[in-house]
Amino acid sequence: MLVVAALTMAGESYATQRKVVSLDGQWEIAQGSMERIPQEFPAKVIVPGMVDLAVPAFEEVGVASERREAFWYRKTFKLDGPLPETARLKIHKAKFGKRVFVNGKEVGEHLPCFTPGYFDVSDVLRGNAEENEVIVRIGATEKQLPDHVPYGFDFEKEKYIPGIFDSVELILSSNPRVENIQTVPDPEEDKLTVRVEVVNDSPVKKVFDMAYTVREKKSGRRVIQFKIGKNGIDPGQKLVLHAKLDMAGSKHWTPETPFLYTMTASTGTDELTQT
């Protein structure tokens, strides 16, 4: 773990190679068992959305039914050009549980209903305009979840409607990549502590400069930019970097003046921005 308190300003711009591809929109959908992928997908549904928006409509959605145990979503797409080192599929939220297949290979399962699921698809995704197929299975009701998984119980509810109710996207990047940013403001001292998690999915050690940029969210005006180097990260490892920023002169958020900033962390091959 590298802890940095003294920061140096820099005027450079930092090129990155992250690309986020939205898979929102129309998907095909079918009903069936929990284990067998359907041969046909006779209906269409919008993602984000719930299964009761499917056309043509399914019967008895949101209640236990002999008609099905699960719903299966399917989407095909193409990606131009060669792919970068790392490709992850992110399903932001879905009920009830999500089991994912890409190009005929199972890539993982994520049971929680209210947190995103990340799936490494680097070895199965196809570039150069070849067709890709994503299939996502979700439980037809909350009964398909283990007892320990929260699903939003409400004693007034009669139906629990399933669906992929948040966005689905592909995150394409090179290594090392930025996995997470945490910011902890200290308004009394006008300081900002930044914690960045960096991951190296490649088979070789990487050395990189970590670049930080703070901007006003609404105007986009750059407030602070600096970099810290050289940072080394071994294959398959996660590195946590800490920095403390002097935010003297910054505007504080209040209900009357909800002023916000964004923080961007960049390794030169990937970047992530959070508000």
C-alpha atoms as a PDB file:
ATOM      1  CA  MET A   1       0.000   0.000   0.000  1.00  0.00           C
ATOM      2  CA  LEU A   2       1.355   3.406  -0.988  1.00  0.00           C
ATOM      3  CA  VAL A   3       0.393   6.405   1.132  1.00  0.00           C
ATOM      4  CA  VAL A   4       1.099   9.863  -0.276  1.00  0.00           C
ATOM      5  CA  ALA A   5       0.543  13.152   1.521  1.00  0.00           C
ATOM      6  CA  ALA A   6       2.738  15.578  -0.471  1.00  0.00           C
ATOM      7  CA  LEU A   7       1.405  16.132  -4.000  1.00  0.00           C
ATOM      8  CA  THR A   8       2.931  17.756  -7.051  1.00  0.00           C
ATOM      9  CA  MET A   9       0.877  19.648  -9.625  1.00  0.00           C
ATOM     10  CA  ALA A  10       1.166  18.723 -13.272  1.00  0.00           C
ATOM     11  CA  GLY A  11      -0.195  20.211 -16.464  1.00  0.00           C
ATOM     12  CA  GLU A  12      -0.184  17.138 -18.684  1.00  0.00           C
ATOM     13  CA  SER A  13      -3.261  15.423 -20.056  1.00  0.00           C
ATOM     14  CA  TYR A  14      -3.459  11.696 -19.451  1.00  0.00           C
ATOM     15  CA  ALA A  15      -4.552   9.465 -22.330  1.00  0.00           C
ATOM     16  CA  THR A  16      -6.700   6.478 -21.451  1.00  0.00           C
ATOM     17  CA  GLN A  17      -8.125   3.479 -23.274  1.00  0.00           C
ATOM     18  CA  ARG A  18     -11.299   2.664 -21.330  1.00  0.00           C
ATOM     19  CA  LYS A  19     -14.396   2.179 -23.441  1.00  0.00           C
ATOM     20  CA  VAL A  20     -17.854   1.531 -22.028  1.00  0.00           C
ATOM     21  CA  VAL A  21     -20.330  -0.119 -24.401  1.00  0.00           C
ATOM     22  CA  SER A  22     -23.990   0.054 -23.397  1.00  0.00           C
ATOM     23  CA  LEU A  23     -26.074  -3.074 -23.959  1.00  0.00           C
ATOM     24  CA  ASP A  24     -29.288  -1.317 -22.917  1.00  0.00           C
ATOM     25  CA  GLY A  25     -32.267  -1.454 -25.229  1.00  0.00           C
ATOM     26  CA  GLN A  26     -34.244  -4.315 -26.707  1.00  0.00           C
ATOM     27  CA  TRP A  27     -33.426  -7.890 -25.665  1.00  0.00           C
ATOM     28  CA  GLU A  28     -35.049 -11.199 -26.511  1.00  0.00           C
ATOM     29  CA  ILE A  29     -36.650 -13.106 -23.628  1.00  0.00           C
ATOM     30  CA  ALA A  30     -38.028 -16.577 -22.918  1.00  0.00           C
ATOM     31  CA  GLN A  31     -39.345 -18.506 -19.933  1.00  0.00           C
ATOM     32  CA  GLY A  32     -38.171 -21.929 -18.797  1.00  0.00           C
ATOM     33  CA  SER A  33     -36.361 -23.945 -16.157  1.00  0.00           C
ATOM     34  CA  MET A  34     -33.455 -22.799 -14.003  1.00  0.00           C
ATOM     35  CA  GLU A  35     -30.924 -25.076 -15.730  1.00  0.00           C
ATOM     36  CA  ARG A  36     -31.688 -25.366 -19.455  1.00  0.00           C
ATOM     37  CA  ILE A  37     -31.178 -22.499 -21.914  1.00  0.00           C
ATOM     38  CA  PRO A  38     -34.287 -22.167 -24.116  1.00  0.00           C
ATOM     39  CA  GLN A  39     -34.021 -23.012 -27.795  1.00  0.00           C
ATOM     40  CA  GLU A  40     -36.214 -20.072 -28.791  1.00  0.00           C
ATOM     41  CA  PHE A  41     -36.752 -16.546 -27.440  1.00  0.00           C
ATOM     42  CA  PRO A  42     -40.243 -15.594 -28.618  1.00  0.00           C
ATOM     43  CA  ALA A  43     -40.715 -12.231 -26.878  1.00  0.00           C
ATOM     44  CA  LYS A  44     -38.973  -8.849 -26.682  1.00  0.00           C
ATOM     45  CA  VAL A  45     -38.292  -6.744 -23.588  1.00  0.00           C
ATOM     46  CA  ILE A  46     -36.544  -3.465 -22.810  1.00  0.00           C
ATOM     47  CA  VAL A  47     -33.490  -3.298 -20.531  1.00  0.00           C
ATOM     48  CA  PRO A  48     -33.591  -1.621 -18.057  1.00  0.00           C
ATOM     49  CA  GLY A  49     -37.090  -2.811 -17.297  1.00  0.00           C
ATOM     50  CA  MET A  50     -39.182  -5.549 -15.755  1.00  0.00           C
ATOM     51  CA  VAL A  51     -40.443  -8.774 -17.286  1.00  0.00           C
ATOM     52  CA  ASP A  52     -44.056  -7.573 -17.258  1.00  0.00           C
ATOM     53  CA  LEU A  53     -43.082  -5.152 -20.065  1.00  0.00           C
ATOM     54  CA  ALA A  54     -42.366  -8.041 -22.467  1.00  0.00           C
ATOM     55  CA  VAL A  55     -44.173  -8.195 -25.824  1.00  0.00           C
ATOM     56  CA  PRO A  56     -46.020 -10.468 -26.237  1.00  0.00           C
ATOM     57  CA  ALA A  57     -46.763 -10.559 -22.518  1.00  0.00           C
ATOM     58  CA  PHE A  58     -46.138 -13.537 -20.259  1.00  0.00           C
ATOM     59  CA  GLU A  59     -48.921 -14.758 -17.985  1.00  0.00           C
ATOM     60  CA  GLU A  60     -48.724 -14.950 -14.188  1.00  0.00           C
ATOM     61  CA  VAL A  61     -45.594 -12.799 -13.888  1.00  0.00           C
ATOM     62  CA  GLY A  62     -44.423 -12.115 -10.339  1.00  0.00           C
ATOM     63  CA  VAL A  63     -46.075 -15.097  -8.692  1.00  0.00           C
ATOM     64  CA  ALA A  64     -45.168 -18.779  -8.420  1.00  0.00           C
ATOM     65  CA  SER A  65     -46.347 -20.551 -11.571  1.00  0.00           C
ATOM     66  CA  GLU A  66     -46.013 -23.960 -13.164  1.00  0.00           C
ATOM     67  CA  ARG A  67     -45.282 -22.142 -16.406  1.00  0.00           C
ATOM     68  CA  ARG A  68     -41.651 -21.424 -15.483  1.00  0.00           C
ATOM     69  CA  GLU A  69     -38.872 -21.277 -12.892  1.00  0.00           C
ATOM     70  CA  ALA A  70     -36.798 -18.642 -14.652  1.00  0.00           C
ATOM     71  CA  PHE A  71     -36.691 -16.029 -17.374  1.00  0.00           C
ATOM     72  CA  TRP A  72     -33.842 -16.002 -19.883  1.00  0.00           C
ATOM     73  CA  TYR A  73     -32.647 -12.813 -21.604  1.00  0.00           C
ATOM     74  CA  ARG A  74     -30.656 -12.866 -24.867  1.00  0.00           C
ATOM     75  CA  LYS A  75     -28.844 -10.151 -26.835  1.00  0.00           C
ATOM     76  CA  THR A  76     -26.426 -10.236 -29.768  1.00  0.00           C
ATOM     77  CA  PHE A  77     -23.994  -7.480 -30.751  1.00  0.00           C
ATOM     78  CA  LYS A  78     -20.722  -6.816 -32.579  1.00  0.00           C
ATOM     79  CA  LEU A  79     -17.594  -4.913 -31.531  1.00  0.00           C
ATOM     80  CA  ASP A  80     -15.407  -3.286 -34.175  1.00  0.00           C
ATOM     81  CA  GLY A  81     -11.654  -3.793 -34.190  1.00  0.00           C
ATOM     82  CA  PRO A  82      -9.418  -5.800 -31.861  1.00  0.00           C
ATOM     83  CA  LEU A  83     -10.271  -5.973 -28.168  1.00  0.00           C
ATOM     84  CA  PRO A  84      -8.094  -4.634 -25.311  1.00  0.00           C
ATOM     85  CA  GLU A  85      -6.608  -6.867 -22.608  1.00  0.00           C
ATOM     86  CA  THR A  86      -9.533  -6.747 -20.203  1.00  0.00           C
ATOM     87  CA  ALA A  87     -13.267  -6.991 -20.826  1.00  0.00           C
ATOM     88  CA  ARG A  88     -15.857  -7.074 -18.045  1.00  0.00           C
ATOM     89  CA  LEU A  89     -19.611  -7.336 -18.287  1.00  0.00           C
ATOM     90  CA  LYS A  90     -21.444  -5.278 -15.672  1.00  0.00           C
ATOM     91  CA  ILE A  91     -25.095  -5.902 -14.821  1.00  0.00           C
ATOM     92  CA  HIS A  92     -25.976  -3.077 -12.489  1.00  0.00           C
ATOM     93  CA  LYS A  93     -29.048  -4.684 -10.864  1.00  0.00           C
ATOM     94  CA  ALA A  94     -31.459  -7.549 -11.540  1.00  0.00           C
ATOM     95  CA  LYS A  95     -34.069  -9.650  -9.746  1.00  0.00           C
ATOM     96  CA  PHE A  96     -33.848 -12.468  -8.832  1.00  0.00           C
ATOM     97  CA  GLY A  97     -30.198 -13.490  -9.181  1.00  0.00           C
ATOM     98  CA  LYS A  98     -28.268 -13.526 -12.439  1.00  0.00           C
ATOM     99  CA  ARG A  99     -26.397 -16.345 -14.146  1.00  0.00           C
ATOM    100  CA  VAL A 100     -24.505 -15.265 -17.265  1.00  0.00           C
ATOM    101  CA  PHE A 101     -23.353 -16.993 -20.448  1.00  0.00           C
ATOM    102  CA  VAL A 102     -21.293 -15.306 -23.178  1.00  0.00           C
ATOM    103  CA  ASN A 103     -20.789 -16.998 -26.529  1.00  0.00           C
ATOM    104  CA  GLY A 104     -21.854 -20.337 -25.107  1.00  0.00           C
ATOM    105  CA  LYS A 105     -19.574 -20.208 -22.036  1.00  0.00           C
ATOM    106  CA  GLU A 106     -20.796 -19.686 -18.480  1.00  0.00           C
ATOM    107  CA  VAL A 107     -18.932 -16.706 -17.001  1.00  0.00           C
ATOM    108  CA  GLY A 108     -20.445 -16.515 -13.522  1.00  0.00           C
ATOM    109  CA  GLU A 109     -23.382 -16.009 -11.201  1.00  0.00           C
ATOM    110  CA  HIS A 110     -24.320 -13.099  -8.940  1.00  0.00           C
ATOM    111  CA  LEU A 111     -27.234 -13.515  -6.526  1.00  0.00           C
ATOM    112  CA  PRO A 112     -27.736 -10.079  -4.876  1.00  0.00           C
ATOM    113  CA  CYS A 113     -30.614  -8.038  -6.297  1.00  0.00           C
ATOM    114  CA  PHE A 114     -29.453  -4.531  -5.427  1.00  0.00           C
ATOM    115  CA  THR A 115     -25.705  -4.514  -6.161  1.00  0.00           C
ATOM    116  CA  PRO A 116     -23.894  -4.803  -9.512  1.00  0.00           C
ATOM    117  CA  GLY A 117     -22.495  -8.052 -10.815  1.00  0.00           C
ATOM    118  CA  TYR A 118     -19.151  -8.003 -12.657  1.00  0.00           C
ATOM    119  CA  PHE A 119     -18.189 -10.850 -14.999  1.00  0.00           C
ATOM    120  CA  ASP A 120     -14.787 -11.332 -16.617  1.00  0.00           C
ATOM    121  CA  VAL A 121     -15.424 -11.986 -20.321  1.00  0.00           C
ATOM    122  CA  SER A 122     -11.886 -11.296 -21.574  1.00  0.00           C
ATOM    123  CA  ASP A 123     -11.365 -14.860 -22.823  1.00  0.00           C
ATOM    124  CA  VAL A 124     -14.753 -15.318 -24.494  1.00  0.00           C
ATOM    125  CA  LEU A 125     -15.613 -11.945 -26.032  1.00  0.00           C
ATOM    126  CA  ARG A 126     -15.078 -11.508 -29.789  1.00  0.00           C
ATOM    127  CA  GLY A 127     -13.861  -8.409 -31.607  1.00  0.00           C
ATOM    128  CA  ASN A 128     -13.286  -7.522 -35.273  1.00  0.00           C
ATOM    129  CA  ALA A 129     -17.043  -7.311 -35.975  1.00  0.00           C
ATOM    130  CA  GLU A 130     -17.715 -10.941 -35.046  1.00  0.00           C
ATOM    131  CA  GLU A 131     -21.084 -11.611 -33.453  1.00  0.00           C
ATOM    132  CA  ASN A 132     -21.325 -11.952 -29.665  1.00  0.00           C
ATOM    133  CA  GLU A 133     -24.198 -13.482 -27.723  1.00  0.00           C
ATOM    134  CA  VAL A 134     -25.032 -12.707 -24.081  1.00  0.00           C
ATOM    135  CA  ILE A 135     -27.607 -14.789 -22.205  1.00  0.00           C
ATOM    136  CA  VAL A 136     -28.715 -13.886 -18.671  1.00  0.00           C
ATOM    137  CA  ARG A 137     -30.897 -16.120 -16.528  1.00  0.00           C
ATOM    138  CA  ILE A 138     -32.899 -14.601 -13.683  1.00  0.00           C
ATOM    139  CA  GLY A 139     -35.199 -16.343 -11.230  1.00  0.00           C
ATOM    140  CA  ALA A 140     -38.911 -15.970 -12.011  1.00  0.00           C
ATOM    141  CA  THR A 141     -39.738 -15.165  -8.362  1.00  0.00           C
ATOM    142  CA  GLU A 142     -37.963 -14.532  -5.079  1.00  0.00           C
ATOM    143  CA  LYS A 143     -38.435 -18.244  -4.319  1.00  0.00           C
ATOM    144  CA  GLN A 144     -35.495 -18.998  -6.632  1.00  0.00           C
ATOM    145  CA  LEU A 145     -33.109 -17.166  -4.284  1.00  0.00           C
ATOM    146  CA  PRO A 146     -31.398 -18.672  -1.231  1.00  0.00           C
ATOM    147  CA  ASP A 147     -32.975 -17.592   2.040  1.00  0.00           C
ATOM    148  CA  HIS A 148     -30.042 -15.361   2.996  1.00  0.00           C
ATOM    149  CA  VAL A 149     -30.328 -13.080  -0.090  1.00  0.00           C
ATOM    150  CA  PRO A 150     -32.425  -9.896   0.435  1.00  0.00           C
ATOM    151  CA  TYR A 151     -35.005  -9.290  -2.289  1.00  0.00           C
ATOM    152  CA  GLY A 152     -37.095  -6.404  -0.971  1.00  0.00           C
ATOM    153  CA  PHE A 153     -39.707  -8.150   1.152  1.00  0.00           C
ATOM    154  CA  ASP A 154     -42.822  -6.112   1.801  1.00  0.00           C
ATOM    155  CA  PHE A 155     -45.829  -7.640   3.581  1.00  0.00           C
ATOM    156  CA  GLU A 156     -48.172  -5.500   1.436  1.00  0.00           C
ATOM    157  CA  LYS A 157     -46.828  -6.896  -1.822  1.00  0.00           C
ATOM    158  CA  GLU A 158     -48.712  -9.610  -3.658  1.00  0.00           C
ATOM    159  CA  LYS A 159     -46.322  -9.851  -6.599  1.00  0.00           C
ATOM    160  CA  TYR A 160     -42.532  -9.667  -6.925  1.00  0.00           C
ATOM    161  CA  ILE A 161     -41.836  -8.756 -10.551  1.00  0.00           C
ATOM    162  CA  PRO A 162     -38.485 -10.026 -11.895  1.00  0.00           C
ATOM    163  CA  GLY A 163     -36.289  -8.279 -14.431  1.00  0.00           C
ATOM    164  CA  ILE A 164     -32.998  -6.633 -15.318  1.00  0.00           C
ATOM    165  CA  PHE A 165     -34.072  -3.278 -13.926  1.00  0.00           C
ATOM    166  CA  ASP A 166     -30.805  -1.363 -14.362  1.00  0.00           C
ATOM    167  CA  SER A 167     -28.221  -0.920 -17.088  1.00  0.00           C
ATOM    168  CA  VAL A 168     -26.006  -3.580 -18.670  1.00  0.00           C
ATOM    169  CA  GLU A 169     -22.630  -2.587 -20.102  1.00  0.00           C
ATOM    170  CA  LEU A 170     -19.261  -3.838 -21.277  1.00  0.00           C
ATOM    171  CA  ILE A 171     -16.167  -2.217 -19.767  1.00  0.00           C
ATOM    172  CA  LEU A 172     -13.141  -2.560 -22.068  1.00  0.00           C
ATOM    173  CA  SER A 173      -9.713  -1.474 -20.848  1.00  0.00           C
ATOM    174  CA  SER A 174      -6.011  -2.214 -20.729  1.00  0.00           C
ATOM    175  CA  ASN A 175      -3.874  -2.991 -17.670  1.00  0.00           C
ATOM    176  CA  PRO A 176      -3.515  -1.858 -15.022  1.00  0.00           C
ATOM    177  CA  ARG A 177      -7.140  -0.831 -14.589  1.00  0.00           C
ATOM    178  CA  VAL A 178      -8.877   1.338 -12.004  1.00  0.00           C
ATOM    179  CA  GLU A 179     -11.392  -0.776 -10.113  1.00  0.00           C
ATOM    180  CA  ASN A 180     -12.725   1.667  -7.523  1.00  0.00           C
ATOM    181  CA  ILE A 181     -12.400   5.189  -6.132  1.00  0.00           C
ATOM    182  CA  GLN A 182     -13.347   6.288  -2.628  1.00  0.00           C
ATOM    183  CA  THR A 183     -13.274   9.961  -1.633  1.00  0.00           C
ATOM    184  CA  VAL A 184     -13.513  11.192   1.968  1.00  0.00           C
ATOM    185  CA  PRO A 185     -13.944  14.971   2.286  1.00  0.00           C
ATOM    186  CA  ASP A 186     -12.961  16.898   5.397  1.00  0.00           C
ATOM    187  CA  PRO A 187     -14.824  20.238   5.083  1.00  0.00           C
ATOM    188  CA  GLU A 188     -13.390  21.688   8.289  1.00  0.00           C
ATOM    189  CA  GLU A 189      -9.796  21.266   7.100  1.00  0.00           C
ATOM    190  CA  ASP A 190     -10.560  21.705   3.356  1.00  0.00           C
ATOM    191  CA  LYS A 191      -8.885  18.363   2.651  1.00  0.00           C
ATOM    192  CA  LEU A 192      -9.907  15.424   0.492  1.00  0.00           C
ATOM    193  CA  THR A 193      -8.591  11.905   1.067  1.00  0.00           C
ATOM    194  CA  VAL A 194      -8.662   9.710  -2.041  1.00  0.00           C
ATOM    195  CA  ARG A 195      -8.402   5.911  -2.027  1.00  0.00           C
ATOM    196  CA  VAL A 196      -7.925   4.208  -5.412  1.00  0.00           C
ATOM    197  CA  GLU A 197      -7.921   0.459  -6.072  1.00  0.00           C
ATOM    198  CA  VAL A 198      -5.885  -0.625  -9.100  1.00  0.00           C
ATOM    199  CA  VAL A 199      -5.890  -4.154 -10.537  1.00  0.00           C
ATOM    200  CA  ASN A 200      -3.452  -5.856 -12.900  1.00  0.00           C
ATOM    201  CA  ASP A 201      -5.167  -8.658 -14.821  1.00  0.00           C
ATOM    202  CA  SER A 202      -2.192  -9.211 -17.120  1.00  0.00           C
ATOM    203  CA  PRO A 203       0.491 -11.926 -16.716  1.00  0.00           C
ATOM    204  CA  VAL A 204       3.324  -9.391 -16.384  1.00  0.00           C
ATOM    205  CA  LYS A 205       4.277  -6.707 -13.884  1.00  0.00           C
ATOM    206  CA  LYS A 206       3.140  -3.179 -14.758  1.00  0.00           C
ATOM    207  CA  VAL A 207       4.681   0.153 -13.780  1.00  0.00           C
ATOM    208  CA  PHE A 208       2.494   3.227 -14.092  1.00  0.00           C
ATOM    209  CA  ASP A 209       1.923   6.818 -13.023  1.00  0.00           C
ATOM    210  CA  MET A 210      -1.332   7.418 -11.149  1.00  0.00           C
ATOM    211  CA  ALA A 211      -2.941  10.649 -12.346  1.00  0.00           C
ATOM    212  CA  TYR A 212      -5.664  12.446 -10.414  1.00  0.00           C
ATOM    213  CA  THR A 213      -7.953  15.183 -11.754  1.00  0.00           C
ATOM    214  CA  VAL A 214     -10.615  17.117  -9.824  1.00  0.00           C
ATOM    215  CA  ARG A 215     -13.186  19.087 -11.833  1.00  0.00           C
ATOM    216  CA  GLU A 216     -16.284  21.080 -11.098  1.00  0.00           C
ATOM    217  CA  LYS A 217     -19.115  18.775 -12.068  1.00  0.00           C
ATOM    218  CA  LYS A 218     -21.380  21.309 -13.738  1.00  0.00           C
ATOM    219  CA  SER A 219     -18.830  23.462 -15.562  1.00  0.00           C
ATOM    220  CA  GLY A 220     -16.149  20.829 -16.125  1.00  0.00           C
ATOM    221  CA  ARG A 221     -13.507  23.350 -15.022  1.00  0.00           C
ATOM    222  CA  ARG A 222     -10.327  21.637 -13.844  1.00  0.00           C
ATOM    223  CA  VAL A 223      -9.506  22.458 -10.232  1.00  0.00           C
ATOM    224  CA  ILE A 224      -6.579  20.117  -9.480  1.00  0.00           C
ATOM    225  CA  GLN A 225      -4.433  17.811 -11.575  1.00  0.00           C
ATOM    226  CA  PHE A 226      -1.365  15.895 -10.440  1.00  0.00           C
ATOM    227  CA  LYS A 227       0.333  12.542 -10.797  1.00  0.00           C
ATOM    228  CA  ILE A 228       2.252  10.138  -8.580  1.00  0.00           C
ATOM    229  CA  GLY A 229       4.763   7.681 -10.012  1.00  0.00           C
ATOM    230  CA  LYS A 230       6.269   5.210 -10.441  1.00  0.00           C
ATOM    231  CA  ASN A 231       3.906   2.561  -9.068  1.00  0.00           C
ATOM    232  CA  GLY A 232       4.551  -1.142  -9.614  1.00  0.00           C
ATOM    233  CA  ILE A 233       1.889  -3.843  -9.538  1.00  0.00           C
ATOM    234  CA  ASP A 234       2.509  -7.579  -9.935  1.00  0.00           C
ATOM    235  CA  PRO A 235       0.421  -9.910 -12.136  1.00  0.00           C
ATOM    236  CA  GLY A 236      -3.013 -10.709 -10.748  1.00  0.00           C
ATOM    237  CA  GLN A 237      -2.638  -8.287  -7.854  1.00  0.00           C
ATOM    238  CA  LYS A 238      -4.604  -5.342  -6.445  1.00  0.00           C
ATOM    239  CA  LEU A 239      -2.818  -2.168  -5.324  1.00  0.00           C
ATOM    240  CA  VAL A 240      -4.442   0.424  -3.042  1.00  0.00           C
ATOM    241  CA  LEU A 241      -3.135   3.985  -3.342  1.00  0.00           C
ATOM    242  CA  HIS A 242      -3.918   6.814  -0.924  1.00  0.00           C
ATOM    243  CA  ALA A 243      -3.522  10.555  -1.477  1.00  0.00           C
ATOM    244  CA  LYS A 244      -4.562  13.658   0.468  1.00  0.00           C
ATOM    245  CA  LEU A 245      -5.546  16.748  -1.501  1.00  0.00           C
ATOM    246  CA  ASP A 246      -5.578  20.374  -0.390  1.00  0.00           C
ATOM    247  CA  MET A 247      -9.023  21.711  -1.384  1.00  0.00           C
ATOM    248  CA  ALA A 248      -8.535  25.248  -0.050  1.00  0.00           C
ATOM    249  CA  GLY A 249     -10.986  27.602  -1.710  1.00  0.00           C
ATOM    250  CA  SER A 250     -13.379  24.841  -2.736  1.00  0.00           C
ATOM    251  CA  LYS A 251     -17.133  25.361  -2.530  1.00  0.00           C
ATOM    252  CA  HIS A 252     -18.930  23.233   0.041  1.00  0.00           C
ATOM    253  CA  TRP A 253     -22.156  21.397  -0.703  1.00  0.00           C
ATOM    254  CA  THR A 254     -25.283  22.644   1.060  1.00  0.00           C
ATOM    255  CA  PRO A 255     -29.003  22.009   0.409  1.00  0.00           C
ATOM    256  CA  GLU A 256     -29.264  25.594  -0.825  1.00  0.00           C
ATOM    257  CA  THR A 257     -26.139  25.390  -3.040  1.00  0.00           C
ATOM    258  CA  PRO A 258     -25.569  21.709  -3.981  1.00  0.00           C
ATOM    259  CA  PHE A 259     -22.147  22.214  -5.553  1.00  0.00           C
ATOM    260  CA  LEU A 260     -20.377  19.025  -6.656  1.00  0.00           C
ATOM    261  CA  TYR A 261     -16.964  17.944  -7.922  1.00  0.00           C
ATOM    262  CA  THR A 262     -15.767  14.905  -9.862  1.00  0.00           C
ATOM    263  CA  MET A 263     -12.623  12.882  -9.231  1.00  0.00           C
ATOM    264  CA  THR A 264     -10.904  11.041 -12.092  1.00  0.00           C
ATOM    265  CA  ALA A 265      -8.151   8.497 -11.441  1.00  0.00           C
ATOM    266  CA  SER A 266      -6.103   7.344 -14.426  1.00  0.00           C
ATOM    267  CA  THR A 267      -3.334   4.783 -14.861  1.00  0.00           C
ATOM    268  CA  GLY A 268      -2.647   5.915 -18.432  1.00  0.00           C
ATOM    269  CA  THR A 269      -4.326   2.763 -19.746  1.00  0.00           C
ATOM    270  CA  ASP A 270      -7.615   3.052 -17.868  1.00  0.00           C
ATOM    271  CA  GLU A 271      -9.551   5.643 -15.910  1.00  0.00           C
ATOM    272  CA  LEU A 272     -12.572   5.949 -13.657  1.00  0.00           C
ATOM    273  CA  THR A 273     -14.554   9.062 -12.726  1.00  0.00           C
ATOM    274  CA  GLN A 274     -16.804   9.449  -9.699  1.00  0.00           C
ATOM    275  CA  THR A 275     -18.746  12.377  -8.257  1.00  0.00           C
END
